[in-house]
Amino acid sequence: MPRIAKNGIPDGTVETTRSRILNAAVESLIEVGVAGTTTLAVQHRAEVSRGALLHHFPTHAALLAASVAELVSRNEKAVSQGRAGAGPADTLVSAVEALAFAARQPAYLAELELWAVARTDAALKQALTAAERGARRDLERVYVQLFGEWTDSEAYDDVVALTLHFIRGLAISENLRSSPGRRERLVTIWADAMRTLLEAK
């Protein structure tokens, strides 16, 4: 009978060990941020040996970058959750609100923190760039689910890119000062601006 790891997955396999380490890294990023997510802290949280951690993730940057895929997955689930709870019938407003909801969740904020730290960490920046490139297909699928009816618009790619910048800025500003009323107003204004751009001939 295999031993059951803390995450409920049968222990004793290479992939299980890697998953345990990644789960520990993601939970650490969410709870204590990048500064607290050292390789030693992750090793203790995952309850693995130093050798096991270094076998899968030889550098701190590699460990943090590998966490991106799990963060993206959690962010995608948050978007779906936001869509499920959407109130307005306006599809653009609902889509932007779903993104804004996901951007308030711990996994999204942890990902933003990684980007910010990479500004002065060349190894992390290189690793994150590769990881984000790998996650791009998943992100594009989410965008099509949200804005699929507008994909034929010549402005689609630019509007989606601008929307993501808007959401990231909103997430950062709301980390210091959150105002649901202000957020709702800005989301509505941006959705109207998107419609103008997407419908332009």
N, C-alpha and C. Protein backbone atom coordinates (compact mmCIF):
# COMPACT_ATOMS: atom_id res chain seq x y z
N MET A 1 0.85 -1.20 0.00
CA MET A 1 0.00 0.00 0.00
C MET A 1 0.89 1.25 0.00
N PRO A 2 0.80 2.10 -1.05
CA PRO A 2 1.65 3.29 -1.11
C PRO A 2 1.28 4.29 -0.03
N ARG A 3 2.28 4.99 0.47
CA ARG A 3 2.02 6.04 1.45
C ARG A 3 1.33 7.20 0.76
N ILE A 4 0.39 7.82 1.45
CA ILE A 4 -0.34 8.95 0.87
C ILE A 4 0.31 10.25 1.29
N ALA A 5 0.68 11.06 0.31
CA ALA A 5 1.30 12.34 0.60
C ALA A 5 0.26 13.32 1.14
N LYS A 6 0.74 14.49 1.60
CA LYS A 6 -0.16 15.47 2.20
C LYS A 6 -1.20 15.98 1.22
N ASN A 7 -0.88 15.98 -0.07
CA ASN A 7 -1.83 16.47 -1.06
C ASN A 7 -2.81 15.41 -1.52
N GLY A 8 -2.77 14.22 -0.90
CA GLY A 8 -3.73 13.18 -1.23
C GLY A 8 -3.32 12.28 -2.37
N ILE A 9 -2.13 12.50 -2.93
CA ILE A 9 -1.65 11.70 -4.06
C ILE A 9 -0.73 10.62 -3.52
N PRO A 10 -0.83 9.38 -4.03
CA PRO A 10 0.08 8.33 -3.57
C PRO A 10 1.52 8.76 -3.72
N ASP A 11 2.28 8.59 -2.63
CA ASP A 11 3.66 9.02 -2.63
C ASP A 11 4.56 7.96 -3.25
N GLY A 12 5.80 8.33 -3.50
CA GLY A 12 6.77 7.34 -3.91
C GLY A 12 7.15 7.40 -5.38
N THR A 13 6.59 8.30 -6.17
CA THR A 13 6.94 8.42 -7.57
C THR A 13 7.65 9.74 -7.81
N VAL A 14 8.43 9.78 -8.90
CA VAL A 14 9.17 10.99 -9.23
C VAL A 14 8.21 12.14 -9.49
N GLU A 15 7.13 11.86 -10.24
CA GLU A 15 6.18 12.92 -10.57
C GLU A 15 5.47 13.42 -9.33
N THR A 16 5.18 12.52 -8.40
CA THR A 16 4.52 12.94 -7.16
C THR A 16 5.43 13.86 -6.37
N THR A 17 6.71 13.53 -6.32
CA THR A 17 7.66 14.38 -5.60
C THR A 17 7.72 15.76 -6.23
N ARG A 18 7.77 15.80 -7.56
CA ARG A 18 7.80 17.09 -8.25
C ARG A 18 6.53 17.89 -7.97
N SER A 19 5.38 17.22 -7.98
CA SER A 19 4.11 17.89 -7.71
C SER A 19 4.07 18.43 -6.29
N ARG A 20 4.58 17.65 -5.35
CA ARG A 20 4.60 18.10 -3.96
C ARG A 20 5.45 19.36 -3.81
N ILE A 21 6.59 19.35 -4.49
CA ILE A 21 7.47 20.52 -4.40
C ILE A 21 6.79 21.74 -5.02
N LEU A 22 6.18 21.56 -6.20
CA LEU A 22 5.50 22.68 -6.86
C LEU A 22 4.33 23.21 -6.04
N ASN A 23 3.53 22.29 -5.50
CA ASN A 23 2.41 22.72 -4.66
C ASN A 23 2.90 23.51 -3.45
N ALA A 24 4.00 23.04 -2.87
CA ALA A 24 4.57 23.74 -1.72
C ALA A 24 5.06 25.13 -2.11
N ALA A 25 5.67 25.23 -3.29
CA ALA A 25 6.18 26.52 -3.76
C ALA A 25 5.03 27.50 -4.01
N VAL A 26 3.97 27.01 -4.65
CA VAL A 26 2.83 27.88 -4.95
C VAL A 26 2.16 28.35 -3.66
N GLU A 27 1.93 27.44 -2.73
CA GLU A 27 1.31 27.83 -1.47
C GLU A 27 2.18 28.82 -0.71
N SER A 28 3.48 28.63 -0.78
CA SER A 28 4.40 29.55 -0.12
C SER A 28 4.35 30.93 -0.76
N LEU A 29 4.35 30.96 -2.11
CA LEU A 29 4.26 32.24 -2.82
C LEU A 29 3.00 33.00 -2.42
N ILE A 30 1.90 32.27 -2.29
CA ILE A 30 0.63 32.89 -1.95
C ILE A 30 0.61 33.38 -0.50
N GLU A 31 1.18 32.60 0.39
CA GLU A 31 1.09 32.91 1.81
C GLU A 31 2.14 33.91 2.28
N VAL A 32 3.40 33.75 1.80
CA VAL A 32 4.48 34.59 2.34
C VAL A 32 5.23 35.37 1.27
N GLY A 33 4.83 35.23 -0.01
CA GLY A 33 5.46 36.00 -1.06
C GLY A 33 6.79 35.43 -1.53
N VAL A 34 7.39 36.14 -2.48
CA VAL A 34 8.64 35.67 -3.09
C VAL A 34 9.77 35.64 -2.07
N ALA A 35 9.85 36.66 -1.23
CA ALA A 35 10.95 36.74 -0.27
C ALA A 35 10.96 35.55 0.68
N GLY A 36 9.78 35.08 1.05
CA GLY A 36 9.69 33.97 1.98
C GLY A 36 9.75 32.60 1.32
N THR A 37 9.70 32.59 0.00
CA THR A 37 9.70 31.31 -0.73
C THR A 37 11.12 30.94 -1.11
N THR A 38 11.92 30.62 -0.13
CA THR A 38 13.27 30.16 -0.37
C THR A 38 13.24 28.66 -0.68
N THR A 39 14.32 28.15 -1.25
CA THR A 39 14.36 26.72 -1.54
C THR A 39 14.29 25.91 -0.26
N LEU A 40 14.89 26.42 0.81
CA LEU A 40 14.85 25.71 2.09
C LEU A 40 13.42 25.68 2.65
N ALA A 41 12.72 26.81 2.55
CA ALA A 41 11.34 26.87 3.04
C ALA A 41 10.45 25.91 2.26
N VAL A 42 10.64 25.86 0.94
CA VAL A 42 9.84 24.96 0.11
C VAL A 42 10.18 23.50 0.41
N GLN A 43 11.46 23.23 0.61
CA GLN A 43 11.88 21.87 0.95
C GLN A 43 11.19 21.39 2.23
N HIS A 44 11.17 22.23 3.24
CA HIS A 44 10.53 21.86 4.51
C HIS A 44 9.02 21.71 4.35
N ARG A 45 8.41 22.62 3.59
CA ARG A 45 6.96 22.56 3.41
C ARG A 45 6.55 21.31 2.63
N ALA A 46 7.35 20.94 1.64
CA ALA A 46 7.05 19.76 0.83
C ALA A 46 7.47 18.46 1.50
N GLU A 47 8.29 18.58 2.55
CA GLU A 47 8.80 17.41 3.27
C GLU A 47 9.57 16.47 2.34
N VAL A 48 10.53 17.08 1.62
CA VAL A 48 11.41 16.31 0.75
C VAL A 48 12.85 16.61 1.12
N SER A 49 13.76 15.80 0.61
CA SER A 49 15.17 16.01 0.88
C SER A 49 15.71 17.14 0.01
N ARG A 50 16.84 17.68 0.42
CA ARG A 50 17.49 18.72 -0.37
C ARG A 50 17.84 18.19 -1.76
N GLY A 51 18.33 16.95 -1.79
CA GLY A 51 18.70 16.34 -3.06
C GLY A 51 17.51 16.20 -4.00
N ALA A 52 16.34 15.82 -3.43
CA ALA A 52 15.14 15.66 -4.26
C ALA A 52 14.72 16.99 -4.86
N LEU A 53 14.78 18.05 -4.06
CA LEU A 53 14.39 19.37 -4.57
C LEU A 53 15.33 19.81 -5.69
N LEU A 54 16.63 19.67 -5.44
CA LEU A 54 17.60 20.12 -6.44
C LEU A 54 17.59 19.27 -7.69
N HIS A 55 17.17 18.01 -7.56
CA HIS A 55 17.06 17.15 -8.73
C HIS A 55 16.02 17.69 -9.71
N HIS A 56 14.90 18.16 -9.17
CA HIS A 56 13.82 18.67 -10.02
C HIS A 56 14.01 20.14 -10.37
N PHE A 57 14.53 20.91 -9.41
CA PHE A 57 14.67 22.36 -9.61
C PHE A 57 16.05 22.78 -9.12
N PRO A 58 17.04 22.76 -10.00
CA PRO A 58 18.42 23.02 -9.59
C PRO A 58 18.69 24.44 -9.10
N THR A 59 17.81 25.39 -9.46
CA THR A 59 18.00 26.77 -9.01
C THR A 59 16.70 27.33 -8.45
N HIS A 60 16.86 28.36 -7.65
CA HIS A 60 15.69 29.04 -7.09
C HIS A 60 14.82 29.62 -8.20
N ALA A 61 15.45 30.19 -9.22
CA ALA A 61 14.71 30.77 -10.35
C ALA A 61 13.90 29.71 -11.08
N ALA A 62 14.49 28.54 -11.26
CA ALA A 62 13.78 27.45 -11.95
C ALA A 62 12.55 27.01 -11.15
N LEU A 63 12.68 26.97 -9.84
CA LEU A 63 11.56 26.60 -8.98
C LEU A 63 10.43 27.61 -9.08
N LEU A 64 10.78 28.89 -9.00
CA LEU A 64 9.75 29.92 -9.07
C LEU A 64 9.08 29.95 -10.45
N ALA A 65 9.89 29.81 -11.50
CA ALA A 65 9.33 29.85 -12.85
C ALA A 65 8.39 28.67 -13.08
N ALA A 66 8.74 27.50 -12.54
CA ALA A 66 7.90 26.32 -12.72
C ALA A 66 6.56 26.49 -12.03
N SER A 67 6.50 27.37 -11.05
CA SER A 67 5.25 27.61 -10.33
C SER A 67 4.24 28.37 -11.19
N VAL A 68 4.72 29.01 -12.25
CA VAL A 68 3.85 29.83 -13.09
C VAL A 68 2.70 29.02 -13.67
N ALA A 69 2.98 27.80 -14.15
CA ALA A 69 1.93 26.99 -14.78
C ALA A 69 0.79 26.72 -13.80
N GLU A 70 1.12 26.44 -12.54
CA GLU A 70 0.08 26.19 -11.54
C GLU A 70 -0.67 27.48 -11.21
N LEU A 71 0.04 28.59 -11.14
CA LEU A 71 -0.61 29.88 -10.89
C LEU A 71 -1.57 30.22 -12.03
N VAL A 72 -1.12 30.00 -13.27
CA VAL A 72 -1.97 30.26 -14.43
C VAL A 72 -3.21 29.38 -14.38
N SER A 73 -3.04 28.11 -14.00
CA SER A 73 -4.18 27.20 -13.89
C SER A 73 -5.18 27.70 -12.86
N ARG A 74 -4.68 28.15 -11.72
CA ARG A 74 -5.57 28.67 -10.68
C ARG A 74 -6.26 29.96 -11.14
N ASN A 75 -5.52 30.78 -11.88
CA ASN A 75 -6.12 32.02 -12.39
C ASN A 75 -7.23 31.72 -13.39
N GLU A 76 -7.01 30.69 -14.22
CA GLU A 76 -8.03 30.31 -15.19
C GLU A 76 -9.30 29.84 -14.48
N LYS A 77 -9.15 29.08 -13.42
CA LYS A 77 -10.30 28.63 -12.65
C LYS A 77 -11.02 29.81 -12.02
N ALA A 78 -10.25 30.81 -11.59
CA ALA A 78 -10.86 32.00 -10.99
C ALA A 78 -11.66 32.78 -12.03
N VAL A 79 -11.17 32.83 -13.28
CA VAL A 79 -11.93 33.49 -14.35
C VAL A 79 -13.26 32.78 -14.57
N SER A 80 -13.21 31.46 -14.61
CA SER A 80 -14.45 30.68 -14.78
C SER A 80 -15.41 30.92 -13.63
N GLN A 81 -14.86 31.01 -12.43
CA GLN A 81 -15.69 31.29 -11.26
C GLN A 81 -16.31 32.67 -11.36
N GLY A 82 -15.51 33.63 -11.84
CA GLY A 82 -16.02 34.99 -12.01
C GLY A 82 -17.12 35.06 -13.05
N ARG A 83 -16.97 34.30 -14.13
CA ARG A 83 -18.00 34.26 -15.18
C ARG A 83 -19.29 33.65 -14.65
N ALA A 84 -19.14 32.61 -13.82
CA ALA A 84 -20.32 31.93 -13.28
C ALA A 84 -21.13 32.85 -12.39
N GLY A 85 -20.45 33.79 -11.73
CA GLY A 85 -21.15 34.69 -10.83
C GLY A 85 -21.45 36.04 -11.45
N ALA A 86 -21.25 36.15 -12.77
CA ALA A 86 -21.47 37.45 -13.44
C ALA A 86 -22.94 37.84 -13.41
N GLY A 87 -23.15 39.14 -13.18
CA GLY A 87 -24.52 39.63 -13.12
C GLY A 87 -25.01 40.23 -14.42
N PRO A 88 -24.25 41.19 -15.02
CA PRO A 88 -24.76 41.91 -16.19
C PRO A 88 -24.95 41.00 -17.40
N ALA A 89 -25.92 41.35 -18.23
CA ALA A 89 -26.16 40.59 -19.46
C ALA A 89 -25.15 40.99 -20.53
N ASP A 90 -24.55 42.18 -20.40
CA ASP A 90 -23.58 42.66 -21.36
C ASP A 90 -22.36 41.74 -21.34
N THR A 91 -22.07 41.10 -22.47
CA THR A 91 -21.01 40.10 -22.49
C THR A 91 -19.62 40.71 -22.28
N LEU A 92 -19.39 41.90 -22.79
CA LEU A 92 -18.08 42.52 -22.59
C LEU A 92 -17.88 42.90 -21.13
N VAL A 93 -18.89 43.49 -20.51
CA VAL A 93 -18.78 43.84 -19.10
C VAL A 93 -18.57 42.59 -18.27
N SER A 94 -19.32 41.54 -18.55
CA SER A 94 -19.17 40.28 -17.82
C SER A 94 -17.77 39.71 -17.96
N ALA A 95 -17.23 39.78 -19.17
CA ALA A 95 -15.89 39.23 -19.42
C ALA A 95 -14.83 40.00 -18.65
N VAL A 96 -14.90 41.34 -18.68
CA VAL A 96 -13.92 42.15 -17.97
C VAL A 96 -14.09 41.98 -16.46
N GLU A 97 -15.31 41.85 -16.00
CA GLU A 97 -15.55 41.61 -14.58
C GLU A 97 -14.96 40.28 -14.13
N ALA A 98 -15.05 39.26 -14.99
CA ALA A 98 -14.47 37.96 -14.65
C ALA A 98 -12.96 38.06 -14.51
N LEU A 99 -12.32 38.81 -15.41
CA LEU A 99 -10.88 39.02 -15.32
C LEU A 99 -10.52 39.82 -14.07
N ALA A 100 -11.33 40.83 -13.76
CA ALA A 100 -11.07 41.64 -12.57
C ALA A 100 -11.24 40.82 -11.30
N PHE A 101 -12.19 39.89 -11.30
CA PHE A 101 -12.38 39.01 -10.16
C PHE A 101 -11.15 38.12 -9.98
N ALA A 102 -10.67 37.53 -11.08
CA ALA A 102 -9.49 36.66 -11.01
C ALA A 102 -8.27 37.43 -10.53
N ALA A 103 -8.18 38.71 -10.92
CA ALA A 103 -7.02 39.53 -10.56
C ALA A 103 -6.99 39.90 -9.08
N ARG A 104 -8.07 39.66 -8.37
CA ARG A 104 -8.11 39.93 -6.93
C ARG A 104 -7.76 38.68 -6.12
N GLN A 105 -7.55 37.56 -6.80
CA GLN A 105 -7.29 36.31 -6.10
C GLN A 105 -5.79 36.17 -5.79
N PRO A 106 -5.46 35.45 -4.72
CA PRO A 106 -4.05 35.31 -4.28
C PRO A 106 -3.11 34.80 -5.36
N ALA A 107 -3.56 33.85 -6.19
CA ALA A 107 -2.68 33.28 -7.20
C ALA A 107 -2.26 34.34 -8.23
N TYR A 108 -3.19 35.20 -8.62
CA TYR A 108 -2.87 36.25 -9.60
C TYR A 108 -1.88 37.25 -9.00
N LEU A 109 -2.12 37.64 -7.75
CA LEU A 109 -1.24 38.60 -7.10
C LEU A 109 0.16 38.00 -6.89
N ALA A 110 0.22 36.70 -6.64
CA ALA A 110 1.52 36.04 -6.50
C ALA A 110 2.28 36.07 -7.82
N GLU A 111 1.56 35.87 -8.93
CA GLU A 111 2.20 35.92 -10.24
C GLU A 111 2.71 37.32 -10.54
N LEU A 112 1.93 38.33 -10.21
CA LEU A 112 2.38 39.71 -10.41
C LEU A 112 3.62 40.01 -9.59
N GLU A 113 3.66 39.47 -8.38
CA GLU A 113 4.82 39.70 -7.52
C GLU A 113 6.08 39.09 -8.14
N LEU A 114 5.93 37.92 -8.74
CA LEU A 114 7.07 37.29 -9.41
C LEU A 114 7.60 38.20 -10.52
N TRP A 115 6.69 38.77 -11.29
CA TRP A 115 7.11 39.66 -12.38
C TRP A 115 7.87 40.86 -11.82
N ALA A 116 7.36 41.43 -10.73
CA ALA A 116 8.00 42.61 -10.15
C ALA A 116 9.41 42.29 -9.65
N VAL A 117 9.56 41.15 -8.98
CA VAL A 117 10.87 40.76 -8.47
C VAL A 117 11.85 40.51 -9.61
N ALA A 118 11.35 40.00 -10.74
CA ALA A 118 12.21 39.70 -11.89
C ALA A 118 12.87 40.94 -12.47
N ARG A 119 12.38 42.11 -12.12
CA ARG A 119 12.96 43.36 -12.63
C ARG A 119 14.45 43.46 -12.28
N THR A 120 14.83 42.97 -11.11
CA THR A 120 16.22 43.07 -10.67
C THR A 120 16.88 41.70 -10.51
N ASP A 121 16.25 40.67 -11.06
CA ASP A 121 16.80 39.31 -10.96
C ASP A 121 16.85 38.72 -12.37
N ALA A 122 18.01 38.79 -13.00
CA ALA A 122 18.14 38.39 -14.40
C ALA A 122 17.81 36.92 -14.62
N ALA A 123 18.24 36.06 -13.69
CA ALA A 123 17.98 34.63 -13.84
C ALA A 123 16.49 34.34 -13.75
N LEU A 124 15.83 34.99 -12.81
CA LEU A 124 14.38 34.80 -12.67
C LEU A 124 13.65 35.37 -13.88
N LYS A 125 14.08 36.51 -14.37
CA LYS A 125 13.44 37.11 -15.54
C LYS A 125 13.52 36.18 -16.75
N GLN A 126 14.68 35.59 -16.97
CA GLN A 126 14.85 34.67 -18.10
C GLN A 126 13.97 33.43 -17.93
N ALA A 127 13.93 32.89 -16.72
CA ALA A 127 13.12 31.70 -16.46
C ALA A 127 11.63 32.00 -16.58
N LEU A 128 11.22 33.15 -16.07
CA LEU A 128 9.80 33.53 -16.14
C LEU A 128 9.36 33.78 -17.58
N THR A 129 10.23 34.41 -18.37
CA THR A 129 9.90 34.66 -19.78
C THR A 129 9.59 33.35 -20.50
N ALA A 130 10.42 32.34 -20.26
CA ALA A 130 10.20 31.04 -20.88
C ALA A 130 8.93 30.39 -20.35
N ALA A 131 8.68 30.50 -19.05
CA ALA A 131 7.49 29.89 -18.46
C ALA A 131 6.21 30.55 -18.96
N GLU A 132 6.22 31.87 -19.05
CA GLU A 132 5.05 32.59 -19.53
C GLU A 132 4.78 32.26 -21.01
N ARG A 133 5.85 32.07 -21.77
CA ARG A 133 5.69 31.70 -23.17
C ARG A 133 5.01 30.33 -23.28
N GLY A 134 5.38 29.45 -22.37
CA GLY A 134 4.78 28.12 -22.37
C GLY A 134 3.31 28.13 -21.98
N ALA A 135 2.93 29.11 -21.17
CA ALA A 135 1.54 29.20 -20.70
C ALA A 135 0.66 30.01 -21.65
N ARG A 136 1.23 30.56 -22.69
CA ARG A 136 0.50 31.47 -23.57
C ARG A 136 -0.71 30.81 -24.23
N ARG A 137 -0.56 29.54 -24.62
CA ARG A 137 -1.67 28.85 -25.29
C ARG A 137 -2.88 28.73 -24.36
N ASP A 138 -2.61 28.43 -23.09
CA ASP A 138 -3.71 28.35 -22.13
C ASP A 138 -4.38 29.71 -21.94
N LEU A 139 -3.56 30.75 -21.90
CA LEU A 139 -4.11 32.09 -21.72
C LEU A 139 -4.95 32.49 -22.93
N GLU A 140 -4.46 32.19 -24.11
CA GLU A 140 -5.21 32.55 -25.33
C GLU A 140 -6.54 31.82 -25.39
N ARG A 141 -6.58 30.59 -24.89
CA ARG A 141 -7.84 29.86 -24.85
C ARG A 141 -8.85 30.57 -23.93
N VAL A 142 -8.38 31.09 -22.82
CA VAL A 142 -9.25 31.83 -21.90
C VAL A 142 -9.78 33.08 -22.58
N TYR A 143 -8.92 33.79 -23.31
CA TYR A 143 -9.35 35.02 -23.97
C TYR A 143 -10.43 34.73 -25.01
N VAL A 144 -10.27 33.63 -25.74
CA VAL A 144 -11.27 33.27 -26.74
C VAL A 144 -12.59 32.93 -26.07
N GLN A 145 -12.53 32.28 -24.94
CA GLN A 145 -13.76 31.97 -24.20
C GLN A 145 -14.47 33.24 -23.76
N LEU A 146 -13.69 34.25 -23.40
CA LEU A 146 -14.27 35.50 -22.91
C LEU A 146 -14.72 36.41 -24.05
N PHE A 147 -13.90 36.50 -25.09
CA PHE A 147 -14.14 37.49 -26.16
C PHE A 147 -14.32 36.84 -27.53
N GLY A 148 -14.73 35.58 -27.53
CA GLY A 148 -14.80 34.82 -28.76
C GLY A 148 -15.61 35.46 -29.87
N GLU A 149 -16.69 36.15 -29.53
CA GLU A 149 -17.54 36.72 -30.58
C GLU A 149 -16.87 37.89 -31.29
N TRP A 150 -15.72 38.35 -30.75
CA TRP A 150 -15.06 39.51 -31.34
C TRP A 150 -13.77 39.15 -32.06
N THR A 151 -13.46 37.87 -32.20
CA THR A 151 -12.16 37.48 -32.76
C THR A 151 -11.96 37.92 -34.21
N ASP A 152 -13.04 38.18 -34.93
CA ASP A 152 -12.92 38.60 -36.33
C ASP A 152 -12.61 40.10 -36.45
N SER A 153 -12.69 40.82 -35.36
CA SER A 153 -12.39 42.25 -35.40
C SER A 153 -10.90 42.48 -35.64
N GLU A 154 -10.60 43.46 -36.47
CA GLU A 154 -9.20 43.79 -36.73
C GLU A 154 -8.49 44.26 -35.46
N ALA A 155 -9.25 44.79 -34.53
CA ALA A 155 -8.66 45.34 -33.31
C ALA A 155 -8.56 44.32 -32.18
N TYR A 156 -9.00 43.07 -32.44
CA TYR A 156 -9.11 42.07 -31.37
C TYR A 156 -7.81 41.91 -30.57
N ASP A 157 -6.71 41.64 -31.24
CA ASP A 157 -5.44 41.38 -30.53
C ASP A 157 -5.02 42.57 -29.68
N ASP A 158 -5.13 43.78 -30.24
CA ASP A 158 -4.73 44.98 -29.50
C ASP A 158 -5.66 45.23 -28.31
N VAL A 159 -6.95 45.02 -28.51
CA VAL A 159 -7.91 45.27 -27.43
C VAL A 159 -7.71 44.27 -26.29
N VAL A 160 -7.46 43.01 -26.62
CA VAL A 160 -7.20 42.01 -25.58
C VAL A 160 -5.94 42.37 -24.80
N ALA A 161 -4.89 42.77 -25.53
CA ALA A 161 -3.63 43.15 -24.86
C ALA A 161 -3.84 44.35 -23.94
N LEU A 162 -4.57 45.36 -24.42
CA LEU A 162 -4.85 46.53 -23.60
C LEU A 162 -5.69 46.16 -22.38
N THR A 163 -6.61 45.24 -22.56
CA THR A 163 -7.45 44.80 -21.44
C THR A 163 -6.62 44.14 -20.36
N LEU A 164 -5.66 43.33 -20.76
CA LEU A 164 -4.80 42.67 -19.78
C LEU A 164 -3.96 43.68 -19.02
N HIS A 165 -3.48 44.71 -19.71
CA HIS A 165 -2.73 45.77 -19.03
C HIS A 165 -3.64 46.53 -18.05
N PHE A 166 -4.84 46.77 -18.46
CA PHE A 166 -5.82 47.44 -17.59
C PHE A 166 -6.07 46.61 -16.33
N ILE A 167 -6.25 45.30 -16.49
CA ILE A 167 -6.53 44.42 -15.36
C ILE A 167 -5.34 44.36 -14.41
N ARG A 168 -4.15 44.27 -14.97
CA ARG A 168 -2.96 44.21 -14.11
C ARG A 168 -2.79 45.51 -13.32
N GLY A 169 -3.00 46.63 -13.98
CA GLY A 169 -2.91 47.91 -13.28
C GLY A 169 -3.96 48.02 -12.19
N LEU A 170 -5.16 47.56 -12.48
CA LEU A 170 -6.24 47.58 -11.50
C LEU A 170 -5.88 46.72 -10.30
N ALA A 171 -5.30 45.55 -10.55
CA ALA A 171 -4.93 44.64 -9.46
C ALA A 171 -3.88 45.27 -8.55
N ILE A 172 -2.91 45.94 -9.15
CA ILE A 172 -1.85 46.55 -8.35
C ILE A 172 -2.40 47.70 -7.52
N SER A 173 -3.21 48.56 -8.13
CA SER A 173 -3.75 49.71 -7.40
C SER A 173 -4.71 49.27 -6.29
N GLU A 174 -5.48 48.21 -6.55
CA GLU A 174 -6.43 47.75 -5.54
C GLU A 174 -5.75 47.00 -4.41
N ASN A 175 -4.50 46.63 -4.61
CA ASN A 175 -3.76 46.00 -3.52
C ASN A 175 -3.54 46.99 -2.39
N LEU A 176 -3.53 48.29 -2.73
CA LEU A 176 -3.35 49.33 -1.72
C LEU A 176 -4.67 49.95 -1.30
N ARG A 177 -5.55 50.13 -2.27
CA ARG A 177 -6.82 50.80 -1.95
C ARG A 177 -7.92 50.17 -2.79
N SER A 178 -8.76 49.38 -2.13
CA SER A 178 -9.83 48.67 -2.84
C SER A 178 -11.15 49.42 -2.69
N SER A 179 -11.82 49.61 -3.82
CA SER A 179 -13.12 50.28 -3.82
C SER A 179 -14.01 49.58 -4.84
N PRO A 180 -14.93 48.73 -4.39
CA PRO A 180 -15.81 48.02 -5.32
C PRO A 180 -16.56 48.94 -6.27
N GLY A 181 -17.04 50.09 -5.75
CA GLY A 181 -17.77 51.02 -6.60
C GLY A 181 -16.90 51.59 -7.70
N ARG A 182 -15.69 51.98 -7.34
CA ARG A 182 -14.75 52.52 -8.33
C ARG A 182 -14.39 51.46 -9.35
N ARG A 183 -14.15 50.22 -8.88
CA ARG A 183 -13.81 49.13 -9.78
C ARG A 183 -14.93 48.89 -10.78
N GLU A 184 -16.16 48.84 -10.31
CA GLU A 184 -17.30 48.60 -11.19
C GLU A 184 -17.42 49.70 -12.24
N ARG A 185 -17.19 50.94 -11.83
CA ARG A 185 -17.28 52.06 -12.77
C ARG A 185 -16.20 51.97 -13.84
N LEU A 186 -14.96 51.67 -13.42
CA LEU A 186 -13.86 51.57 -14.37
C LEU A 186 -14.04 50.40 -15.33
N VAL A 187 -14.53 49.28 -14.82
CA VAL A 187 -14.78 48.12 -15.67
C VAL A 187 -15.81 48.45 -16.74
N THR A 188 -16.88 49.13 -16.35
CA THR A 188 -17.93 49.51 -17.31
C THR A 188 -17.40 50.47 -18.36
N ILE A 189 -16.61 51.45 -17.91
CA ILE A 189 -16.03 52.42 -18.84
C ILE A 189 -15.11 51.72 -19.84
N TRP A 190 -14.27 50.79 -19.32
CA TRP A 190 -13.35 50.11 -20.21
C TRP A 190 -14.10 49.20 -21.19
N ALA A 191 -15.14 48.53 -20.73
CA ALA A 191 -15.92 47.66 -21.62
C ALA A 191 -16.54 48.49 -22.75
N ASP A 192 -17.00 49.69 -22.45
CA ASP A 192 -17.55 50.57 -23.49
C ASP A 192 -16.47 50.98 -24.48
N ALA A 193 -15.26 51.27 -23.96
CA ALA A 193 -14.15 51.63 -24.84
C ALA A 193 -13.75 50.44 -25.72
N MET A 194 -13.76 49.25 -25.16
CA MET A 194 -13.47 48.05 -25.95
C MET A 194 -14.46 47.89 -27.09
N ARG A 195 -15.73 48.08 -26.78
CA ARG A 195 -16.77 47.92 -27.81
C ARG A 195 -16.54 48.90 -28.97
N THR A 196 -16.20 50.13 -28.62
CA THR A 196 -15.94 51.13 -29.65
C THR A 196 -14.80 50.71 -30.56
N LEU A 197 -13.72 50.22 -29.95
CA LEU A 197 -12.54 49.78 -30.71
C LEU A 197 -12.83 48.54 -31.55
N LEU A 198 -13.55 47.59 -30.96
CA LEU A 198 -13.83 46.32 -31.65
C LEU A 198 -14.80 46.50 -32.81
N GLU A 199 -15.71 47.46 -32.68
CA GLU A 199 -16.70 47.68 -33.73
C GLU A 199 -16.24 48.64 -34.81
N ALA A 200 -15.08 49.27 -34.57
CA ALA A 200 -14.59 50.25 -35.56
C ALA A 200 -14.26 49.57 -36.86
N LYS A 201 -14.62 50.18 -37.96
CA LYS A 201 -14.36 49.60 -39.29
C LYS A 201 -13.02 50.10 -39.80
